[in-house]
């Protein structure tokens, strides 16, 4: 009887482990409880400061109102896509080779998305459902009023910030913006 209970318990544990592994795999290992903390993002900034600064400066030099760089899964050649916008006209353009080197390093180290616009560059590091966390560089500083941020904290380098972006929570905190 005890032997049967041990086998049943072990079987249940194996099934739970497999189910948990599948859930992690389906969500790319990014479940809510795995969201990066402020301290983790500050270490990420310090470790990757050269690449983050290079990409930030390169994007600010481009003559566009907005830039978004995403990784295209399962592509070996041209695996990054750069969508740019100016005067509400959007197009996809090739990424300069010198910029691709730094972008690739950042994506391998955990960046999911890079976007630039209105004097700031966002490096999304974690996303789950409506919430995004990452690092942003802002030329002028950053406040909660600057976007859909629900948390903004200065990191150890000047003009670099940890952010939490959640549209639904931001919308609930700002009902006056949604008549």
C-alpha atoms as a PDB file:
ATOM      1  CA  UNK A   1       0.000   0.000   0.000  1.00  0.00           C
ATOM      2  CA  UNK A   2       2.757   2.467   0.945  1.00  0.00           C
ATOM      3  CA  UNK A   3       4.697   1.489  -2.149  1.00  0.00           C
ATOM      4  CA  UNK A   4       1.629   2.262  -4.293  1.00  0.00           C
ATOM      5  CA  UNK A   5       1.226   5.701  -2.656  1.00  0.00           C
ATOM      6  CA  UNK A   6       4.888   6.515  -3.304  1.00  0.00           C
ATOM      7  CA  UNK A   7       4.525   5.539  -6.973  1.00  0.00           C
ATOM      8  CA  UNK A   8       1.335   7.624  -7.329  1.00  0.00           C
ATOM      9  CA  UNK A   9       2.956  10.638  -5.615  1.00  0.00           C
ATOM     10  CA  UNK A  10       6.053  10.356  -7.792  1.00  0.00           C
ATOM     11  CA  UNK A  11       3.888  10.096 -10.914  1.00  0.00           C
ATOM     12  CA  UNK A  12       1.933  13.213  -9.962  1.00  0.00           C
ATOM     13  CA  UNK A  13       5.202  15.077  -9.310  1.00  0.00           C
ATOM     14  CA  UNK A  14       6.531  14.061 -12.746  1.00  0.00           C
ATOM     15  CA  UNK A  15       3.308  15.205 -14.456  1.00  0.00           C
ATOM     16  CA  UNK A  16       3.425  18.555 -12.615  1.00  0.00           C
ATOM     17  CA  UNK A  17       7.086  18.991 -13.567  1.00  0.00           C
ATOM     18  CA  UNK A  18       6.367  18.256 -17.240  1.00  0.00           C
ATOM     19  CA  UNK A  19       3.363  20.624 -17.237  1.00  0.00           C
ATOM     20  CA  UNK A  20       5.426  23.397 -15.614  1.00  0.00           C
ATOM     21  CA  UNK A  21       8.234  22.881 -18.139  1.00  0.00           C
ATOM     22  CA  UNK A  22       5.741  23.084 -21.015  1.00  0.00           C
ATOM     23  CA  UNK A  23       4.256  26.317 -19.656  1.00  0.00           C
ATOM     24  CA  UNK A  24       7.732  27.843 -19.338  1.00  0.00           C
ATOM     25  CA  UNK A  25       8.576  26.737 -22.858  1.00  0.00           C
ATOM     26  CA  UNK A  26       5.328  28.140 -24.287  1.00  0.00           C
ATOM     27  CA  UNK A  27       5.938  31.538 -22.676  1.00  0.00           C
ATOM     28  CA  UNK A  28       9.649  31.610 -23.482  1.00  0.00           C
ATOM     29  CA  UNK A  29      10.541  31.175 -19.817  1.00  0.00           C
ATOM     30  CA  UNK A  30       8.972  34.521 -19.005  1.00  0.00           C
ATOM     31  CA  UNK A  31       6.335  33.998 -16.374  1.00  0.00           C
ATOM     32  CA  UNK A  32       5.292  36.841 -14.107  1.00  0.00           C
ATOM     33  CA  UNK A  33       7.175  35.575 -11.080  1.00  0.00           C
ATOM     34  CA  UNK A  34      10.348  35.669 -13.165  1.00  0.00           C
ATOM     35  CA  UNK A  35      10.087  39.414 -13.888  1.00  0.00           C
ATOM     36  CA  UNK A  36      13.445  41.184 -13.533  1.00  0.00           C
ATOM     37  CA  UNK A  37      13.856  43.400 -10.512  1.00  0.00           C
ATOM     38  CA  UNK A  38      15.348  46.874 -10.400  1.00  0.00           C
ATOM     39  CA  UNK A  39      18.663  45.450  -9.115  1.00  0.00           C
ATOM     40  CA  UNK A  40      18.826  42.873 -11.903  1.00  0.00           C
ATOM     41  CA  UNK A  41      18.211  45.581 -14.524  1.00  0.00           C
ATOM     42  CA  UNK A  42      20.911  47.785 -12.978  1.00  0.00           C
ATOM     43  CA  UNK A  43      23.397  44.904 -13.239  1.00  0.00           C
ATOM     44  CA  UNK A  44      22.251  44.348 -16.844  1.00  0.00           C
ATOM     45  CA  UNK A  45      22.908  48.037 -17.592  1.00  0.00           C
ATOM     46  CA  UNK A  46      26.398  47.928 -16.087  1.00  0.00           C
ATOM     47  CA  UNK A  47      27.295  44.692 -17.885  1.00  0.00           C
ATOM     48  CA  UNK A  48      25.978  45.828 -21.286  1.00  0.00           C
ATOM     49  CA  UNK A  49      26.602  49.567 -21.070  1.00  0.00           C
ATOM     50  CA  UNK A  50      28.883  49.695 -24.144  1.00  0.00           C
ATOM     51  CA  UNK A  51      26.361  47.996 -26.425  1.00  0.00           C
ATOM     52  CA  UNK A  52      23.367  49.867 -24.983  1.00  0.00           C
ATOM     53  CA  UNK A  53      25.143  53.218 -25.430  1.00  0.00           C
ATOM     54  CA  UNK A  54      26.272  52.405 -28.961  1.00  0.00           C
ATOM     55  CA  UNK A  55      22.773  51.412 -30.097  1.00  0.00           C
ATOM     56  CA  UNK A  56      21.227  54.434 -28.361  1.00  0.00           C
ATOM     57  CA  UNK A  57      23.608  56.881 -30.041  1.00  0.00           C
ATOM     58  CA  UNK A  58      23.198  55.218 -33.441  1.00  0.00           C
ATOM     59  CA  UNK A  59      19.395  55.379 -33.245  1.00  0.00           C
ATOM     60  CA  UNK A  60      19.425  59.029 -32.192  1.00  0.00           C
ATOM     61  CA  UNK A  61      21.587  59.834 -35.236  1.00  0.00           C
ATOM     62  CA  UNK A  62      18.968  58.421 -37.619  1.00  0.00           C
ATOM     63  CA  UNK A  63      16.582  60.984 -39.088  1.00  0.00           C
ATOM     64  CA  UNK A  64      13.295  59.289 -38.078  1.00  0.00           C
ATOM     65  CA  UNK A  65      10.508  60.037 -35.612  1.00  0.00           C
ATOM     66  CA  UNK A  66      10.376  56.413 -34.484  1.00  0.00           C
ATOM     67  CA  UNK A  67      12.427  53.255 -34.879  1.00  0.00           C
ATOM     68  CA  UNK A  68      11.581  49.721 -33.791  1.00  0.00           C
ATOM     69  CA  UNK A  69      13.989  46.800 -34.065  1.00  0.00           C
ATOM     70  CA  UNK A  70      12.651  43.297 -33.608  1.00  0.00           C
ATOM     71  CA  UNK A  71      14.123  39.848 -34.041  1.00  0.00           C
ATOM     72  CA  UNK A  72      12.556  37.607 -36.677  1.00  0.00           C
ATOM     73  CA  UNK A  73      12.488  34.049 -35.306  1.00  0.00           C
ATOM     74  CA  UNK A  74      13.899  31.177 -37.361  1.00  0.00           C
ATOM     75  CA  UNK A  75      15.773  33.381 -39.824  1.00  0.00           C
ATOM     76  CA  UNK A  76      19.493  32.949 -40.251  1.00  0.00           C
ATOM     77  CA  UNK A  77      20.042  35.860 -42.639  1.00  0.00           C
ATOM     78  CA  UNK A  78      18.547  39.297 -41.958  1.00  0.00           C
ATOM     79  CA  UNK A  79      17.196  38.095 -38.627  1.00  0.00           C
ATOM     80  CA  UNK A  80      16.463  41.613 -37.381  1.00  0.00           C
ATOM     81  CA  UNK A  81      13.792  43.920 -38.727  1.00  0.00           C
ATOM     82  CA  UNK A  82      14.011  47.724 -38.468  1.00  0.00           C
ATOM     83  CA  UNK A  83      10.748  49.579 -38.946  1.00  0.00           C
ATOM     84  CA  UNK A  84      11.123  53.354 -39.124  1.00  0.00           C
ATOM     85  CA  UNK A  85       8.611  56.174 -39.217  1.00  0.00           C
ATOM     86  CA  UNK A  86       8.715  59.808 -40.222  1.00  0.00           C
ATOM     87  CA  UNK A  87       5.747  62.123 -40.567  1.00  0.00           C
ATOM     88  CA  UNK A  88       3.390  59.155 -40.049  1.00  0.00           C
ATOM     89  CA  UNK A  89       4.888  57.225 -42.968  1.00  0.00           C
ATOM     90  CA  UNK A  90       6.364  53.864 -41.964  1.00  0.00           C
ATOM     91  CA  UNK A  91       8.720  51.573 -43.837  1.00  0.00           C
ATOM     92  CA  UNK A  92      11.132  48.736 -43.197  1.00  0.00           C
ATOM     93  CA  UNK A  93      14.768  49.448 -43.987  1.00  0.00           C
ATOM     94  CA  UNK A  94      18.002  47.440 -43.742  1.00  0.00           C
ATOM     95  CA  UNK A  95      19.969  47.802 -40.526  1.00  0.00           C
ATOM     96  CA  UNK A  96      23.531  49.110 -40.947  1.00  0.00           C
ATOM     97  CA  UNK A  97      26.066  46.294 -40.461  1.00  0.00           C
ATOM     98  CA  UNK A  98      27.947  48.052 -37.654  1.00  0.00           C
ATOM     99  CA  UNK A  99      24.686  48.414 -35.717  1.00  0.00           C
ATOM    100  CA  UNK A 100      23.684  44.766 -36.271  1.00  0.00           C
ATOM    101  CA  UNK A 101      26.766  43.581 -34.360  1.00  0.00           C
ATOM    102  CA  UNK A 102      25.723  45.461 -31.201  1.00  0.00           C
ATOM    103  CA  UNK A 103      22.033  44.589 -31.596  1.00  0.00           C
ATOM    104  CA  UNK A 104      22.885  40.906 -31.878  1.00  0.00           C
ATOM    105  CA  UNK A 105      24.914  41.042 -28.657  1.00  0.00           C
ATOM    106  CA  UNK A 106      22.010  42.673 -26.815  1.00  0.00           C
ATOM    107  CA  UNK A 107      19.449  40.191 -28.107  1.00  0.00           C
ATOM    108  CA  UNK A 108      21.685  37.270 -27.098  1.00  0.00           C
ATOM    109  CA  UNK A 109      21.944  38.774 -23.613  1.00  0.00           C
ATOM    110  CA  UNK A 110      18.188  39.073 -23.154  1.00  0.00           C
ATOM    111  CA  UNK A 111      16.784  42.106 -24.979  1.00  0.00           C
ATOM    112  CA  UNK A 112      13.450  41.291 -26.660  1.00  0.00           C
ATOM    113  CA  UNK A 113      12.700  44.548 -28.460  1.00  0.00           C
ATOM    114  CA  UNK A 114      14.339  47.926 -29.097  1.00  0.00           C
ATOM    115  CA  UNK A 115      12.317  51.045 -29.817  1.00  0.00           C
ATOM    116  CA  UNK A 116      13.225  54.687 -30.182  1.00  0.00           C
ATOM    117  CA  UNK A 117      11.112  57.791 -30.290  1.00  0.00           C
ATOM    118  CA  UNK A 118      10.481  61.173 -28.632  1.00  0.00           C
ATOM    119  CA  UNK A 119      13.974  61.455 -27.159  1.00  0.00           C
ATOM    120  CA  UNK A 120      14.199  58.023 -25.564  1.00  0.00           C
ATOM    121  CA  UNK A 121      15.297  54.501 -26.444  1.00  0.00           C
ATOM    122  CA  UNK A 122      13.599  51.528 -24.779  1.00  0.00           C
ATOM    123  CA  UNK A 123      15.239  48.131 -24.411  1.00  0.00           C
ATOM    124  CA  UNK A 124      12.527  45.645 -23.476  1.00  0.00           C
ATOM    125  CA  UNK A 125      14.030  42.769 -21.503  1.00  0.00           C
ATOM    126  CA  UNK A 126      10.938  40.984 -20.202  1.00  0.00           C
ATOM    127  CA  UNK A 127       7.316  40.825 -21.342  1.00  0.00           C
ATOM    128  CA  UNK A 128       4.341  38.837 -20.162  1.00  0.00           C
ATOM    129  CA  UNK A 129       0.783  39.557 -21.236  1.00  0.00           C
ATOM    130  CA  UNK A 130       0.249  43.340 -20.791  1.00  0.00           C
ATOM    131  CA  UNK A 131       3.409  44.026 -18.802  1.00  0.00           C
ATOM    132  CA  UNK A 132       6.840  44.954 -20.143  1.00  0.00           C
ATOM    133  CA  UNK A 133       9.989  45.617 -18.112  1.00  0.00           C
ATOM    134  CA  UNK A 134      13.280  46.945 -19.285  1.00  0.00           C
ATOM    135  CA  UNK A 135      15.767  49.766 -19.488  1.00  0.00           C
ATOM    136  CA  UNK A 136      15.294  53.088 -21.180  1.00  0.00           C
ATOM    137  CA  UNK A 137      17.602  55.958 -21.970  1.00  0.00           C
ATOM    138  CA  UNK A 138      16.016  59.404 -21.929  1.00  0.00           C
ATOM    139  CA  UNK A 139      17.786  62.569 -23.061  1.00  0.00           C
ATOM    140  CA  UNK A 140      15.761  64.745 -20.691  1.00  0.00           C
ATOM    141  CA  UNK A 141      14.832  62.414 -17.847  1.00  0.00           C
ATOM    142  CA  UNK A 142      11.724  60.322 -17.442  1.00  0.00           C
ATOM    143  CA  UNK A 143       8.546  60.443 -15.347  1.00  0.00           C
ATOM    144  CA  UNK A 144       5.408  58.366 -15.055  1.00  0.00           C
ATOM    145  CA  UNK A 145       3.636  60.964 -17.187  1.00  0.00           C
ATOM    146  CA  UNK A 146       5.923  60.300 -20.174  1.00  0.00           C
ATOM    147  CA  UNK A 147       4.175  57.143 -21.310  1.00  0.00           C
ATOM    148  CA  UNK A 148       2.335  54.064 -20.171  1.00  0.00           C
ATOM    149  CA  UNK A 149       4.758  53.517 -17.314  1.00  0.00           C
ATOM    150  CA  UNK A 150       3.494  52.352 -13.952  1.00  0.00           C
ATOM    151  CA  UNK A 151       6.988  52.436 -12.443  1.00  0.00           C
ATOM    152  CA  UNK A 152      10.099  54.426 -13.370  1.00  0.00           C
ATOM    153  CA  UNK A 153      13.333  54.428 -11.350  1.00  0.00           C
ATOM    154  CA  UNK A 154      16.693  56.024 -12.047  1.00  0.00           C
ATOM    155  CA  UNK A 155      19.451  53.444 -12.559  1.00  0.00           C
ATOM    156  CA  UNK A 156      23.104  53.913 -11.547  1.00  0.00           C
ATOM    157  CA  UNK A 157      24.013  55.696 -14.809  1.00  0.00           C
ATOM    158  CA  UNK A 158      22.716  59.177 -15.606  1.00  0.00           C
ATOM    159  CA  UNK A 159      19.580  59.306 -17.812  1.00  0.00           C
ATOM    160  CA  UNK A 160      19.181  55.502 -17.711  1.00  0.00           C
ATOM    161  CA  UNK A 161      15.999  54.186 -16.102  1.00  0.00           C
ATOM    162  CA  UNK A 162      14.338  50.943 -15.106  1.00  0.00           C
ATOM    163  CA  UNK A 163      10.733  50.895 -16.268  1.00  0.00           C
ATOM    164  CA  UNK A 164       7.595  48.841 -15.905  1.00  0.00           C
ATOM    165  CA  UNK A 165       5.023  49.408 -18.634  1.00  0.00           C
ATOM    166  CA  UNK A 166       1.511  48.012 -18.280  1.00  0.00           C
ATOM    167  CA  UNK A 167      -1.133  49.597 -20.489  1.00  0.00           C
ATOM    168  CA  UNK A 168      -4.161  48.244 -18.606  1.00  0.00           C
ATOM    169  CA  UNK A 169      -2.901  49.383 -15.182  1.00  0.00           C
ATOM    170  CA  UNK A 170      -1.852  52.749 -16.631  1.00  0.00           C
ATOM    171  CA  UNK A 171      -5.269  53.145 -18.257  1.00  0.00           C
ATOM    172  CA  UNK A 172      -7.001  52.379 -14.940  1.00  0.00           C
ATOM    173  CA  UNK A 173      -4.856  55.009 -13.183  1.00  0.00           C
ATOM    174  CA  UNK A 174      -5.631  57.618 -15.869  1.00  0.00           C
ATOM    175  CA  UNK A 175      -9.366  57.324 -16.631  1.00  0.00           C
ATOM    176  CA  UNK A 176      -9.522  61.032 -17.539  1.00  0.00           C
ATOM    177  CA  UNK A 177      -7.581  60.219 -20.720  1.00  0.00           C
ATOM    178  CA  UNK A 178     -10.260  57.769 -21.902  1.00  0.00           C
ATOM    179  CA  UNK A 179     -13.635  59.526 -22.182  1.00  0.00           C
END
